[in-house]
Amino acid sequence: MGVVLFYLKKKQPYHQLIWQDDCAVLQVSSATITEEYNYLINPQHPAFTRIKVHRVENFTFDERLMQ
């Protein structure tokens, strides 16, 4: 059984989708960086323990976002 990844181009009620049993990871557009995505992981999904991080990148937080 593979991890199910959903990507939605339209605005959807993410809070409802992420808690469905068929959704382990939900990819959503970043609100601050248009070229990036965020991933919401469902800890209740049966495949949760098999989710692996494949790549980690350094991120410099822009303090101007807090102003």
N, C-alpha and C. Protein backbone atom coordinates (compact mmCIF):
# COMPACT_ATOMS: atom_id res chain seq x y z
N MET A 1 0.85 -1.19 0.00
CA MET A 1 0.00 0.00 0.00
C MET A 1 0.88 1.23 0.00
N GLY A 2 0.72 2.11 -0.98
CA GLY A 2 1.49 3.34 -1.05
C GLY A 2 0.80 4.46 -0.30
N VAL A 3 1.55 5.49 -0.01
CA VAL A 3 0.99 6.66 0.64
C VAL A 3 0.23 7.46 -0.40
N VAL A 4 -0.97 7.87 -0.08
CA VAL A 4 -1.79 8.63 -1.01
C VAL A 4 -1.47 10.11 -0.83
N LEU A 5 -1.14 10.77 -1.93
CA LEU A 5 -0.83 12.19 -1.90
C LEU A 5 -1.86 12.92 -2.74
N PHE A 6 -2.51 13.89 -2.13
CA PHE A 6 -3.50 14.69 -2.84
C PHE A 6 -2.91 16.06 -3.14
N TYR A 7 -3.14 16.55 -4.34
CA TYR A 7 -2.77 17.91 -4.70
C TYR A 7 -4.00 18.57 -5.28
N LEU A 8 -4.38 19.68 -4.72
CA LEU A 8 -5.59 20.36 -5.16
C LEU A 8 -5.24 21.74 -5.71
N LYS A 9 -5.71 22.04 -6.91
CA LYS A 9 -5.45 23.35 -7.50
C LYS A 9 -6.51 24.36 -7.07
N LYS A 10 -7.69 23.88 -6.76
CA LYS A 10 -8.76 24.77 -6.33
C LYS A 10 -8.80 24.82 -4.81
N LYS A 11 -9.40 25.88 -4.31
CA LYS A 11 -9.56 25.97 -2.85
C LYS A 11 -10.55 24.90 -2.41
N GLN A 12 -10.14 24.12 -1.45
CA GLN A 12 -10.96 23.03 -0.93
C GLN A 12 -10.96 23.11 0.59
N PRO A 13 -11.93 22.48 1.22
CA PRO A 13 -11.93 22.42 2.70
C PRO A 13 -10.87 21.42 3.17
N TYR A 14 -9.61 21.87 3.23
CA TYR A 14 -8.49 20.99 3.57
C TYR A 14 -8.70 20.28 4.90
N HIS A 15 -9.30 20.98 5.86
CA HIS A 15 -9.48 20.37 7.17
C HIS A 15 -10.36 19.12 7.09
N GLN A 16 -11.22 19.03 6.09
CA GLN A 16 -12.04 17.83 5.93
C GLN A 16 -11.27 16.74 5.19
N LEU A 17 -10.51 17.11 4.17
CA LEU A 17 -9.77 16.12 3.38
C LEU A 17 -8.67 15.43 4.17
N ILE A 18 -7.93 16.18 4.97
CA ILE A 18 -6.75 15.61 5.63
C ILE A 18 -7.15 14.53 6.64
N TRP A 19 -8.34 14.59 7.15
CA TRP A 19 -8.73 13.60 8.16
C TRP A 19 -9.46 12.41 7.58
N GLN A 20 -9.60 12.35 6.26
CA GLN A 20 -10.19 11.17 5.64
C GLN A 20 -9.18 10.04 5.66
N ASP A 21 -9.66 8.82 5.78
CA ASP A 21 -8.76 7.66 5.85
C ASP A 21 -7.94 7.45 4.59
N ASP A 22 -8.41 7.95 3.44
CA ASP A 22 -7.68 7.71 2.20
C ASP A 22 -6.63 8.78 1.92
N CYS A 23 -6.43 9.71 2.82
CA CYS A 23 -5.47 10.79 2.60
C CYS A 23 -4.40 10.76 3.68
N ALA A 24 -3.18 10.36 3.30
CA ALA A 24 -2.07 10.33 4.26
C ALA A 24 -1.33 11.66 4.26
N VAL A 25 -1.16 12.25 3.08
CA VAL A 25 -0.42 13.51 2.94
C VAL A 25 -1.18 14.41 1.98
N LEU A 26 -1.34 15.66 2.37
CA LEU A 26 -2.03 16.63 1.53
C LEU A 26 -1.04 17.73 1.16
N GLN A 27 -0.82 17.94 -0.14
CA GLN A 27 0.08 18.99 -0.62
C GLN A 27 -0.75 20.24 -0.88
N VAL A 28 -0.36 21.35 -0.24
CA VAL A 28 -1.08 22.61 -0.42
C VAL A 28 -0.09 23.70 -0.79
N SER A 29 -0.55 24.67 -1.55
CA SER A 29 0.31 25.78 -1.95
C SER A 29 0.69 26.61 -0.74
N SER A 30 1.93 27.10 -0.74
CA SER A 30 2.40 27.96 0.33
C SER A 30 1.73 29.33 0.22
N ALA A 31 1.35 29.89 1.33
CA ALA A 31 0.74 31.22 1.34
C ALA A 31 1.78 32.32 1.22
N THR A 32 3.03 32.03 1.56
CA THR A 32 4.07 33.06 1.55
C THR A 32 5.05 32.94 0.39
N ILE A 33 5.26 31.74 -0.13
CA ILE A 33 6.20 31.53 -1.23
C ILE A 33 5.44 30.82 -2.34
N THR A 34 5.12 31.54 -3.39
CA THR A 34 4.22 31.01 -4.42
C THR A 34 4.77 29.79 -5.15
N GLU A 35 6.09 29.61 -5.20
CA GLU A 35 6.67 28.47 -5.90
C GLU A 35 6.78 27.23 -5.02
N GLU A 36 6.42 27.34 -3.77
CA GLU A 36 6.62 26.26 -2.80
C GLU A 36 5.29 25.65 -2.36
N TYR A 37 5.42 24.52 -1.67
CA TYR A 37 4.26 23.82 -1.14
C TYR A 37 4.49 23.44 0.31
N ASN A 38 3.41 23.26 1.02
CA ASN A 38 3.44 22.72 2.37
C ASN A 38 2.75 21.36 2.32
N TYR A 39 3.13 20.51 3.25
CA TYR A 39 2.56 19.17 3.30
C TYR A 39 1.92 18.94 4.66
N LEU A 40 0.65 18.62 4.64
CA LEU A 40 -0.08 18.31 5.87
C LEU A 40 -0.12 16.79 5.99
N ILE A 41 0.40 16.29 7.09
CA ILE A 41 0.49 14.84 7.29
C ILE A 41 -0.59 14.40 8.27
N ASN A 42 -1.32 13.38 7.89
CA ASN A 42 -2.41 12.85 8.70
C ASN A 42 -1.87 11.76 9.63
N PRO A 43 -1.69 12.06 10.93
CA PRO A 43 -1.14 11.06 11.85
C PRO A 43 -2.10 9.90 12.13
N GLN A 44 -3.36 10.03 11.73
CA GLN A 44 -4.34 8.96 11.94
C GLN A 44 -4.37 7.96 10.78
N HIS A 45 -3.67 8.26 9.70
CA HIS A 45 -3.68 7.38 8.53
C HIS A 45 -2.88 6.12 8.82
N PRO A 46 -3.33 4.95 8.36
CA PRO A 46 -2.61 3.70 8.61
C PRO A 46 -1.16 3.71 8.10
N ALA A 47 -0.86 4.50 7.07
CA ALA A 47 0.49 4.53 6.50
C ALA A 47 1.38 5.58 7.16
N PHE A 48 0.89 6.24 8.19
CA PHE A 48 1.64 7.33 8.83
C PHE A 48 3.06 6.91 9.23
N THR A 49 3.22 5.75 9.80
CA THR A 49 4.53 5.32 10.28
C THR A 49 5.51 5.02 9.14
N ARG A 50 5.00 4.91 7.93
CA ARG A 50 5.86 4.64 6.78
C ARG A 50 6.24 5.90 6.01
N ILE A 51 5.73 7.04 6.42
CA ILE A 51 6.06 8.30 5.74
C ILE A 51 7.50 8.66 6.06
N LYS A 52 8.27 8.96 5.03
CA LYS A 52 9.69 9.29 5.19
C LYS A 52 9.98 10.66 4.59
N VAL A 53 10.90 11.38 5.19
CA VAL A 53 11.39 12.64 4.64
C VAL A 53 12.53 12.30 3.70
N HIS A 54 12.42 12.72 2.45
CA HIS A 54 13.44 12.38 1.46
C HIS A 54 14.47 13.49 1.27
N ARG A 55 14.09 14.71 1.55
CA ARG A 55 15.02 15.81 1.34
C ARG A 55 14.70 16.93 2.33
N VAL A 56 15.73 17.49 2.93
CA VAL A 56 15.59 18.62 3.84
C VAL A 56 16.43 19.76 3.28
N GLU A 57 15.84 20.93 3.21
CA GLU A 57 16.56 22.10 2.71
C GLU A 57 16.58 23.18 3.79
N ASN A 58 17.67 23.93 3.84
CA ASN A 58 17.75 25.05 4.76
C ASN A 58 16.76 26.13 4.33
N PHE A 59 16.20 26.80 5.30
CA PHE A 59 15.24 27.86 5.02
C PHE A 59 15.59 29.05 5.90
N THR A 60 15.75 30.20 5.29
CA THR A 60 15.99 31.43 6.03
C THR A 60 14.67 32.17 6.14
N PHE A 61 14.19 32.30 7.36
CA PHE A 61 12.91 32.95 7.59
C PHE A 61 13.05 34.45 7.40
N ASP A 62 12.15 35.04 6.66
CA ASP A 62 12.15 36.48 6.42
C ASP A 62 11.42 37.16 7.58
N GLU A 63 12.16 37.84 8.42
CA GLU A 63 11.59 38.48 9.62
C GLU A 63 10.53 39.53 9.27
N ARG A 64 10.56 40.04 8.04
CA ARG A 64 9.56 41.05 7.65
C ARG A 64 8.15 40.47 7.66
N LEU A 65 8.04 39.16 7.57
CA LEU A 65 6.72 38.53 7.60
C LEU A 65 6.05 38.68 8.96
N MET A 66 6.83 38.94 9.98
CA MET A 66 6.29 39.07 11.34
C MET A 66 5.89 40.51 11.67
N GLN A 67 6.14 41.42 10.78
CA GLN A 67 5.82 42.84 11.06
C GLN A 67 4.39 43.15 10.76
